[in-house]
Amino acid sequence: MKTIIILLFVVIFLILSIPFLGIMWIYSKLNRKKADLIQLRTIQILFKFILFMSGAKITVNGKENLPDKDEAVLYVCNHLSIFDIVVTYTMCPGLTGYISKDSIEKIPLLSLWMKRLHCLFLNRTDVKEGLKTILSAIDLVKSGISICIFPEGTRNKDSAHPENMAPFKDGSFKIAQKTGCKIVPIAIKGTAEIFEDHLPWIKSHPVTVSYGAPIELSSLSKEDSKHLGAYAQNIVLQMLSEMD
């Protein structure tokens, strides 16, 4: 029943939001940042409702490590579920775009909303197109918009052992290297038990999300800077171990 209610709510929201998106498009011509923030807060309300309806019990650690709403950072998070996005998006203090697989771009209205929120679509098979996406993300950070990535490149299906993640790919960390922005590590646990572990049903389950201390590239050794993916992954692994 939860699944049906949430699905219907999302579909109805997407359809009814068409006039709203039109109004926001017009308003963005007058005040782009304000329009973007209104759209962000709207989606955060939607996601909070989805979490409420799912019965998810969210525990958040390290809120003090979240940036100011006007500071652009690179969030890096382990990936277990579509609910990783739902949970972490509700916490974003300022404009934040997520990097998603390019197949999502084909979904009407959903992709339109994502584009309005500065999300980017990554082609994982075409290196040239993938580089264009990273360059676009760099431009967004330079303009004051944070980016969130799941550097494993795919979802970890071993939800019982979130620490068994795939290696963090270094390519996406160029977003921080080319802009000098801070990297905020995120560790999340329990989201797959809400949905993916028993598709297509949504069930209540505790979720823990932790925000680590921001990584400043200027403070890293040359070796750690060279292998930034591994460095950030070790931090996320440590954060996951502290959840047990």
C-alpha atoms as a PDB file:
ATOM      1  CA  MET A   1       0.000   0.000   0.000  1.00  0.00           C
ATOM      2  CA  LYS A   2       2.866   2.417   0.786  1.00  0.00           C
ATOM      3  CA  THR A   3       4.352   1.825  -2.633  1.00  0.00           C
ATOM      4  CA  ILE A   4       1.079   2.583  -4.426  1.00  0.00           C
ATOM      5  CA  ILE A   5       0.396   5.720  -2.387  1.00  0.00           C
ATOM      6  CA  ILE A   6       3.902   7.098  -2.885  1.00  0.00           C
ATOM      7  CA  LEU A   7       3.920   6.266  -6.600  1.00  0.00           C
ATOM      8  CA  LEU A   8       0.544   7.927  -7.140  1.00  0.00           C
ATOM      9  CA  PHE A   9       1.629  10.966  -5.170  1.00  0.00           C
ATOM     10  CA  VAL A  10       4.804  11.377  -7.227  1.00  0.00           C
ATOM     11  CA  VAL A  11       2.949  10.969 -10.545  1.00  0.00           C
ATOM     12  CA  ILE A  12       0.270  13.463  -9.510  1.00  0.00           C
ATOM     13  CA  PHE A  13       2.925  15.887  -8.292  1.00  0.00           C
ATOM     14  CA  LEU A  14       4.843  15.702 -11.578  1.00  0.00           C
ATOM     15  CA  ILE A  15       1.708  16.332 -13.628  1.00  0.00           C
ATOM     16  CA  LEU A  16       0.360  19.149 -11.455  1.00  0.00           C
ATOM     17  CA  SER A  17       3.790  20.779 -11.281  1.00  0.00           C
ATOM     18  CA  ILE A  18       3.816  21.610 -15.007  1.00  0.00           C
ATOM     19  CA  PRO A  19       2.224  25.075 -14.521  1.00  0.00           C
ATOM     20  CA  PHE A  20       4.515  25.675 -11.536  1.00  0.00           C
ATOM     21  CA  LEU A  21       7.579  24.926 -13.639  1.00  0.00           C
ATOM     22  CA  GLY A  22       6.291  27.371 -16.239  1.00  0.00           C
ATOM     23  CA  ILE A  23       5.899  30.085 -13.629  1.00  0.00           C
ATOM     24  CA  MET A  24       9.367  29.372 -12.256  1.00  0.00           C
ATOM     25  CA  TRP A  25      10.833  29.559 -15.770  1.00  0.00           C
ATOM     26  CA  ILE A  26       9.381  33.046 -16.169  1.00  0.00           C
ATOM     27  CA  TYR A  27      10.460  34.096 -12.671  1.00  0.00           C
ATOM     28  CA  SER A  28      13.986  32.817 -13.334  1.00  0.00           C
ATOM     29  CA  LYS A  29      14.336  35.514 -15.982  1.00  0.00           C
ATOM     30  CA  LEU A  30      13.999  38.055 -13.170  1.00  0.00           C
ATOM     31  CA  ASN A  31      15.821  36.231 -10.365  1.00  0.00           C
ATOM     32  CA  ARG A  32      17.435  32.927 -11.356  1.00  0.00           C
ATOM     33  CA  LYS A  33      18.901  32.086  -7.953  1.00  0.00           C
ATOM     34  CA  LYS A  34      15.640  32.734  -6.114  1.00  0.00           C
ATOM     35  CA  ALA A  35      13.698  30.614  -8.602  1.00  0.00           C
ATOM     36  CA  ASP A  36      16.237  27.817  -8.236  1.00  0.00           C
ATOM     37  CA  LEU A  37      15.978  27.911  -4.445  1.00  0.00           C
ATOM     38  CA  ILE A  38      12.172  27.792  -4.566  1.00  0.00           C
ATOM     39  CA  GLN A  39      12.342  24.721  -6.788  1.00  0.00           C
ATOM     40  CA  LEU A  40      14.929  23.098  -4.496  1.00  0.00           C
ATOM     41  CA  ARG A  41      12.807  23.677  -1.380  1.00  0.00           C
ATOM     42  CA  THR A  42       9.753  22.320  -3.216  1.00  0.00           C
ATOM     43  CA  ILE A  43      11.528  19.060  -4.015  1.00  0.00           C
ATOM     44  CA  GLN A  44      12.864  18.839  -0.465  1.00  0.00           C
ATOM     45  CA  ILE A  45       9.285  19.042   0.837  1.00  0.00           C
ATOM     46  CA  LEU A  46       8.264  16.319  -1.627  1.00  0.00           C
ATOM     47  CA  PHE A  47      11.135  14.075  -0.542  1.00  0.00           C
ATOM     48  CA  LYS A  48      10.399  14.628   3.149  1.00  0.00           C
ATOM     49  CA  PHE A  49       6.811  13.545   2.501  1.00  0.00           C
ATOM     50  CA  ILE A  50       8.052  10.432   0.679  1.00  0.00           C
ATOM     51  CA  LEU A  51      10.285   9.568   3.637  1.00  0.00           C
ATOM     52  CA  PHE A  52       7.384  10.145   6.030  1.00  0.00           C
ATOM     53  CA  MET A  53       5.090   7.904   3.983  1.00  0.00           C
ATOM     54  CA  SER A  54       7.778   5.214   3.726  1.00  0.00           C
ATOM     55  CA  GLY A  55       8.115   5.154   7.500  1.00  0.00           C
ATOM     56  CA  ALA A  56      11.876   5.553   7.252  1.00  0.00           C
ATOM     57  CA  LYS A  57      13.477   6.483  10.557  1.00  0.00           C
ATOM     58  CA  ILE A  58      16.356   8.814   9.694  1.00  0.00           C
ATOM     59  CA  THR A  59      19.306   9.393  12.004  1.00  0.00           C
ATOM     60  CA  VAL A  60      21.683  12.147  10.871  1.00  0.00           C
ATOM     61  CA  ASN A  61      25.199  12.548  12.223  1.00  0.00           C
ATOM     62  CA  GLY A  62      27.615  15.385  11.528  1.00  0.00           C
ATOM     63  CA  LYS A  63      25.146  18.100  10.567  1.00  0.00           C
ATOM     64  CA  GLU A  64      27.779  20.618  11.605  1.00  0.00           C
ATOM     65  CA  ASN A  65      29.843  19.487   8.611  1.00  0.00           C
ATOM     66  CA  LEU A  66      27.249  20.678   6.114  1.00  0.00           C
ATOM     67  CA  PRO A  67      28.363  23.815   4.244  1.00  0.00           C
ATOM     68  CA  ASP A  68      26.712  27.214   4.376  1.00  0.00           C
ATOM     69  CA  LYS A  69      23.946  27.555   1.823  1.00  0.00           C
ATOM     70  CA  ASP A  70      26.095  29.839  -0.314  1.00  0.00           C
ATOM     71  CA  GLU A  71      29.175  27.588  -0.329  1.00  0.00           C
ATOM     72  CA  ALA A  72      29.593  25.158  -3.214  1.00  0.00           C
ATOM     73  CA  VAL A  73      31.102  21.788  -2.296  1.00  0.00           C
ATOM     74  CA  LEU A  74      31.487  18.333  -3.781  1.00  0.00           C
ATOM     75  CA  TYR A  75      29.481  15.728  -1.851  1.00  0.00           C
ATOM     76  CA  VAL A  76      30.690  12.138  -2.268  1.00  0.00           C
ATOM     77  CA  CYS A  77      28.531   9.282  -1.005  1.00  0.00           C
ATOM     78  CA  ASN A  78      28.421   5.495  -1.083  1.00  0.00           C
ATOM     79  CA  HIS A  79      25.462   4.207  -3.079  1.00  0.00           C
ATOM     80  CA  LEU A  80      22.925   1.597  -1.985  1.00  0.00           C
ATOM     81  CA  SER A  81      19.528   2.791  -3.178  1.00  0.00           C
ATOM     82  CA  ILE A  82      17.485   5.393  -5.004  1.00  0.00           C
ATOM     83  CA  PHE A  83      16.541   6.478  -1.486  1.00  0.00           C
ATOM     84  CA  ASP A  84      20.135   7.696  -1.015  1.00  0.00           C
ATOM     85  CA  ILE A  85      19.120  10.655  -3.173  1.00  0.00           C
ATOM     86  CA  VAL A  86      15.814  11.166  -1.383  1.00  0.00           C
ATOM     87  CA  VAL A  87      17.483  11.199   2.032  1.00  0.00           C
ATOM     88  CA  THR A  88      20.499  13.359   1.209  1.00  0.00           C
ATOM     89  CA  TYR A  89      18.610  15.872  -0.939  1.00  0.00           C
ATOM     90  CA  THR A  90      16.471  16.842   2.051  1.00  0.00           C
ATOM     91  CA  MET A  91      19.674  17.872   3.833  1.00  0.00           C
ATOM     92  CA  CYS A  92      21.168  20.139   1.161  1.00  0.00           C
ATOM     93  CA  PRO A  93      21.365  23.693   2.558  1.00  0.00           C
ATOM     94  CA  GLY A  94      21.934  25.292  -0.839  1.00  0.00           C
ATOM     95  CA  LEU A  95      21.591  24.654  -4.540  1.00  0.00           C
ATOM     96  CA  THR A  96      22.866  21.166  -5.343  1.00  0.00           C
ATOM     97  CA  GLY A  97      22.893  19.146  -8.526  1.00  0.00           C
ATOM     98  CA  TYR A  98      23.298  15.382  -8.570  1.00  0.00           C
ATOM     99  CA  ILE A  99      25.102  13.444 -11.276  1.00  0.00           C
ATOM    100  CA  SER A 100      22.838  10.652 -12.535  1.00  0.00           C
ATOM    101  CA  LYS A 101      23.058   7.963 -15.190  1.00  0.00           C
ATOM    102  CA  ASP A 102      21.966   9.265 -18.591  1.00  0.00           C
ATOM    103  CA  SER A 103      19.063   6.804 -18.949  1.00  0.00           C
ATOM    104  CA  ILE A 104      17.109   8.890 -16.416  1.00  0.00           C
ATOM    105  CA  GLU A 105      17.137  11.779 -18.881  1.00  0.00           C
ATOM    106  CA  LYS A 106      14.593   9.893 -20.994  1.00  0.00           C
ATOM    107  CA  ILE A 107      11.913  10.021 -18.283  1.00  0.00           C
ATOM    108  CA  PRO A 108       9.501  12.919 -19.022  1.00  0.00           C
ATOM    109  CA  LEU A 109       8.925  15.570 -16.331  1.00  0.00           C
ATOM    110  CA  LEU A 110      11.325  13.861 -13.929  1.00  0.00           C
ATOM    111  CA  SER A 111      14.267  14.804 -16.139  1.00  0.00           C
ATOM    112  CA  LEU A 112      12.845  18.310 -16.531  1.00  0.00           C
ATOM    113  CA  TRP A 113      12.758  18.740 -12.765  1.00  0.00           C
ATOM    114  CA  MET A 114      16.291  17.381 -12.484  1.00  0.00           C
ATOM    115  CA  LYS A 115      17.563  19.842 -15.061  1.00  0.00           C
ATOM    116  CA  ARG A 116      15.896  22.690 -13.169  1.00  0.00           C
ATOM    117  CA  LEU A 117      17.801  21.528 -10.082  1.00  0.00           C
ATOM    118  CA  HIS A 118      21.108  21.529 -12.021  1.00  0.00           C
ATOM    119  CA  CYS A 119      21.394  17.752 -12.111  1.00  0.00           C
ATOM    120  CA  LEU A 120      23.628  16.306 -14.810  1.00  0.00           C
ATOM    121  CA  PHE A 121      23.387  13.076 -16.771  1.00  0.00           C
ATOM    122  CA  LEU A 122      26.497  10.930 -17.170  1.00  0.00           C
ATOM    123  CA  ASN A 123      27.149   8.630 -20.109  1.00  0.00           C
ATOM    124  CA  ARG A 124      29.206   5.846 -18.560  1.00  0.00           C
ATOM    125  CA  THR A 125      30.159   4.221 -21.853  1.00  0.00           C
ATOM    126  CA  ASP A 126      31.325   7.258 -23.829  1.00  0.00           C
ATOM    127  CA  VAL A 127      34.490   8.750 -22.332  1.00  0.00           C
ATOM    128  CA  LYS A 128      34.192  11.973 -24.340  1.00  0.00           C
ATOM    129  CA  GLU A 129      30.594  12.569 -23.265  1.00  0.00           C
ATOM    130  CA  GLY A 130      31.494  11.693 -19.687  1.00  0.00           C
ATOM    131  CA  LEU A 131      34.227  14.321 -19.727  1.00  0.00           C
ATOM    132  CA  LYS A 132      31.716  16.915 -20.943  1.00  0.00           C
ATOM    133  CA  THR A 133      29.530  16.129 -17.945  1.00  0.00           C
ATOM    134  CA  ILE A 134      32.451  16.592 -15.547  1.00  0.00           C
ATOM    135  CA  LEU A 135      33.333  19.906 -17.206  1.00  0.00           C
ATOM    136  CA  SER A 136      29.709  21.028 -16.817  1.00  0.00           C
ATOM    137  CA  ALA A 137      29.860  20.081 -13.131  1.00  0.00           C
ATOM    138  CA  ILE A 138      33.042  22.126 -12.732  1.00  0.00           C
ATOM    139  CA  ASP A 139      31.267  25.143 -14.223  1.00  0.00           C
ATOM    140  CA  LEU A 140      28.347  24.674 -11.823  1.00  0.00           C
ATOM    141  CA  VAL A 141      30.618  24.589  -8.777  1.00  0.00           C
ATOM    142  CA  LYS A 142      32.407  27.705 -10.001  1.00  0.00           C
ATOM    143  CA  SER A 143      29.013  29.408 -10.211  1.00  0.00           C
ATOM    144  CA  GLY A 144      28.204  28.494  -6.583  1.00  0.00           C
ATOM    145  CA  ILE A 145      26.201  25.291  -7.040  1.00  0.00           C
ATOM    146  CA  SER A 146      27.215  22.150  -5.132  1.00  0.00           C
ATOM    147  CA  ILE A 147      27.455  18.766  -6.827  1.00  0.00           C
ATOM    148  CA  CYS A 148      26.736  15.359  -5.314  1.00  0.00           C
ATOM    149  CA  ILE A 149      28.282  12.235  -6.809  1.00  0.00           C
ATOM    150  CA  PHE A 150      28.225   8.503  -6.124  1.00  0.00           C
ATOM    151  CA  PRO A 151      31.792   7.726  -7.201  1.00  0.00           C
ATOM    152  CA  GLU A 152      31.350   3.946  -7.171  1.00  0.00           C
ATOM    153  CA  GLY A 153      29.602   4.467 -10.497  1.00  0.00           C
ATOM    154  CA  THR A 154      26.823   2.010  -9.683  1.00  0.00           C
ATOM    155  CA  ARG A 155      24.693   0.826  -6.806  1.00  0.00           C
ATOM    156  CA  ASN A 156      26.196  -1.561  -4.254  1.00  0.00           C
ATOM    157  CA  LYS A 157      23.769  -4.505  -4.163  1.00  0.00           C
ATOM    158  CA  ASP A 158      25.271  -5.989  -0.990  1.00  0.00           C
ATOM    159  CA  SER A 159      23.130  -3.897   1.342  1.00  0.00           C
ATOM    160  CA  ALA A 160      23.981  -6.066   4.346  1.00  0.00           C
ATOM    161  CA  HIS A 161      27.610  -5.037   3.922  1.00  0.00           C
ATOM    162  CA  PRO A 162      27.685  -1.432   2.620  1.00  0.00           C
ATOM    163  CA  GLU A 163      31.416  -1.391   3.261  1.00  0.00           C
ATOM    164  CA  ASN A 164      31.857  -3.823   0.336  1.00  0.00           C
ATOM    165  CA  MET A 165      31.657  -0.970  -2.129  1.00  0.00           C
ATOM    166  CA  ALA A 166      33.274  -0.662  -5.531  1.00  0.00           C
ATOM    167  CA  PRO A 167      36.386   1.540  -5.767  1.00  0.00           C
ATOM    168  CA  PHE A 168      35.706   5.260  -5.978  1.00  0.00           C
ATOM    169  CA  LYS A 169      36.511   6.438  -9.493  1.00  0.00           C
ATOM    170  CA  ASP A 170      39.022   9.294  -9.577  1.00  0.00           C
ATOM    171  CA  GLY A 171      37.521  11.041 -12.614  1.00  0.00           C
ATOM    172  CA  SER A 172      34.643  12.689 -10.805  1.00  0.00           C
ATOM    173  CA  PHE A 173      37.027  14.127  -8.202  1.00  0.00           C
ATOM    174  CA  LYS A 174      38.371  16.460 -10.870  1.00  0.00           C
ATOM    175  CA  ILE A 175      35.364  18.597  -9.968  1.00  0.00           C
ATOM    176  CA  ALA A 176      37.088  19.442  -6.694  1.00  0.00           C
ATOM    177  CA  GLN A 177      40.610  19.465  -8.101  1.00  0.00           C
ATOM    178  CA  LYS A 178      39.737  21.989 -10.799  1.00  0.00           C
ATOM    179  CA  THR A 179      37.685  24.280  -8.560  1.00  0.00           C
ATOM    180  CA  GLY A 180      39.423  23.943  -5.190  1.00  0.00           C
ATOM    181  CA  CYS A 181      36.088  23.338  -3.476  1.00  0.00           C
ATOM    182  CA  LYS A 182      35.838  21.267  -0.309  1.00  0.00           C
ATOM    183  CA  ILE A 183      34.801  17.616  -0.460  1.00  0.00           C
ATOM    184  CA  VAL A 184      32.130  16.556   2.014  1.00  0.00           C
ATOM    185  CA  PRO A 185      32.109  12.758   2.497  1.00  0.00           C
ATOM    186  CA  ILE A 186      28.768  11.095   3.159  1.00  0.00           C
ATOM    187  CA  ALA A 187      28.218   7.587   4.513  1.00  0.00           C
ATOM    188  CA  ILE A 188      24.734   6.112   4.328  1.00  0.00           C
ATOM    189  CA  LYS A 189      23.299   2.836   5.545  1.00  0.00           C
ATOM    190  CA  GLY A 190      19.847   1.229   5.550  1.00  0.00           C
ATOM    191  CA  THR A 191      18.318   2.749   2.419  1.00  0.00           C
ATOM    192  CA  ALA A 192      18.255  -0.445   0.325  1.00  0.00           C
ATOM    193  CA  GLU A 193      16.155  -2.110   3.020  1.00  0.00           C
ATOM    194  CA  ILE A 194      13.436   0.455   2.315  1.00  0.00           C
ATOM    195  CA  PHE A 195      13.012  -0.484  -1.342  1.00  0.00           C
ATOM    196  CA  GLU A 196      15.589  -2.410  -3.402  1.00  0.00           C
ATOM    197  CA  ASP A 197      15.856  -5.420  -1.089  1.00  0.00           C
ATOM    198  CA  HIS A 198      12.190  -6.302  -1.669  1.00  0.00           C
ATOM    199  CA  LEU A 199      11.131  -4.714  -4.942  1.00  0.00           C
ATOM    200  CA  PRO A 200       8.572  -3.405  -5.690  1.00  0.00           C
ATOM    201  CA  TRP A 201       7.437  -2.842  -2.109  1.00  0.00           C
ATOM    202  CA  ILE A 202       8.458  -0.019   0.191  1.00  0.00           C
ATOM    203  CA  LYS A 203       8.958  -0.937   3.836  1.00  0.00           C
ATOM    204  CA  SER A 204       9.895   0.984   6.966  1.00  0.00           C
ATOM    205  CA  HIS A 205      13.525   0.731   8.015  1.00  0.00           C
ATOM    206  CA  PRO A 206      16.036   2.782  10.033  1.00  0.00           C
ATOM    207  CA  VAL A 207      18.496   4.807   7.961  1.00  0.00           C
ATOM    208  CA  THR A 208      21.696   6.379   9.213  1.00  0.00           C
ATOM    209  CA  VAL A 209      23.454   9.111   7.252  1.00  0.00           C
ATOM    210  CA  SER A 210      26.679  10.718   8.395  1.00  0.00           C
ATOM    211  CA  TYR A 211      28.426  13.827   7.074  1.00  0.00           C
ATOM    212  CA  GLY A 212      32.172  13.811   7.561  1.00  0.00           C
ATOM    213  CA  ALA A 213      34.498  16.735   8.125  1.00  0.00           C
ATOM    214  CA  PRO A 214      35.098  18.596   4.845  1.00  0.00           C
ATOM    215  CA  ILE A 215      38.256  17.602   3.010  1.00  0.00           C
ATOM    216  CA  GLU A 216      40.373  20.581   1.977  1.00  0.00           C
ATOM    217  CA  LEU A 217      42.657  19.701  -0.901  1.00  0.00           C
ATOM    218  CA  SER A 218      45.291  22.213   0.167  1.00  0.00           C
ATOM    219  CA  SER A 219      45.851  20.221   3.386  1.00  0.00           C
ATOM    220  CA  LEU A 220      46.454  16.867   1.674  1.00  0.00           C
ATOM    221  CA  SER A 221      49.791  15.292   0.913  1.00  0.00           C
ATOM    222  CA  LYS A 222      50.884  14.940  -2.692  1.00  0.00           C
ATOM    223  CA  GLU A 223      50.213  11.184  -2.557  1.00  0.00           C
ATOM    224  CA  ASP A 224      46.683  11.593  -1.164  1.00  0.00           C
ATOM    225  CA  SER A 225      45.918  14.279  -3.735  1.00  0.00           C
ATOM    226  CA  LYS A 226      47.077  11.934  -6.480  1.00  0.00           C
ATOM    227  CA  HIS A 227      44.720   9.166  -5.291  1.00  0.00           C
ATOM    228  CA  LEU A 228      41.819  11.298  -4.135  1.00  0.00           C
ATOM    229  CA  GLY A 229      39.191   8.651  -4.811  1.00  0.00           C
ATOM    230  CA  ALA A 230      40.874   6.109  -2.545  1.00  0.00           C
ATOM    231  CA  TYR A 231      41.486   8.757   0.112  1.00  0.00           C
ATOM    232  CA  ALA A 232      37.822   9.795   0.213  1.00  0.00           C
ATOM    233  CA  GLN A 233      36.657   6.184   0.121  1.00  0.00           C
ATOM    234  CA  ASN A 234      38.744   5.311   3.174  1.00  0.00           C
ATOM    235  CA  ILE A 235      37.032   8.123   5.053  1.00  0.00           C
ATOM    236  CA  VAL A 236      33.583   6.865   4.035  1.00  0.00           C
ATOM    237  CA  LEU A 237      34.567   3.330   5.077  1.00  0.00           C
ATOM    238  CA  GLN A 238      35.655   4.608   8.474  1.00  0.00           C
ATOM    239  CA  MET A 239      32.362   6.463   8.873  1.00  0.00           C
ATOM    240  CA  LEU A 240      30.420   3.311   7.991  1.00  0.00           C
ATOM    241  CA  SER A 241      32.379   1.290  10.563  1.00  0.00           C
ATOM    242  CA  GLU A 242      31.463   3.825  13.232  1.00  0.00           C
ATOM    243  CA  MET A 243      27.744   3.257  12.550  1.00  0.00           C
ATOM    244  CA  ASP A 244      27.924  -0.327  13.871  1.00  0.00           C
END
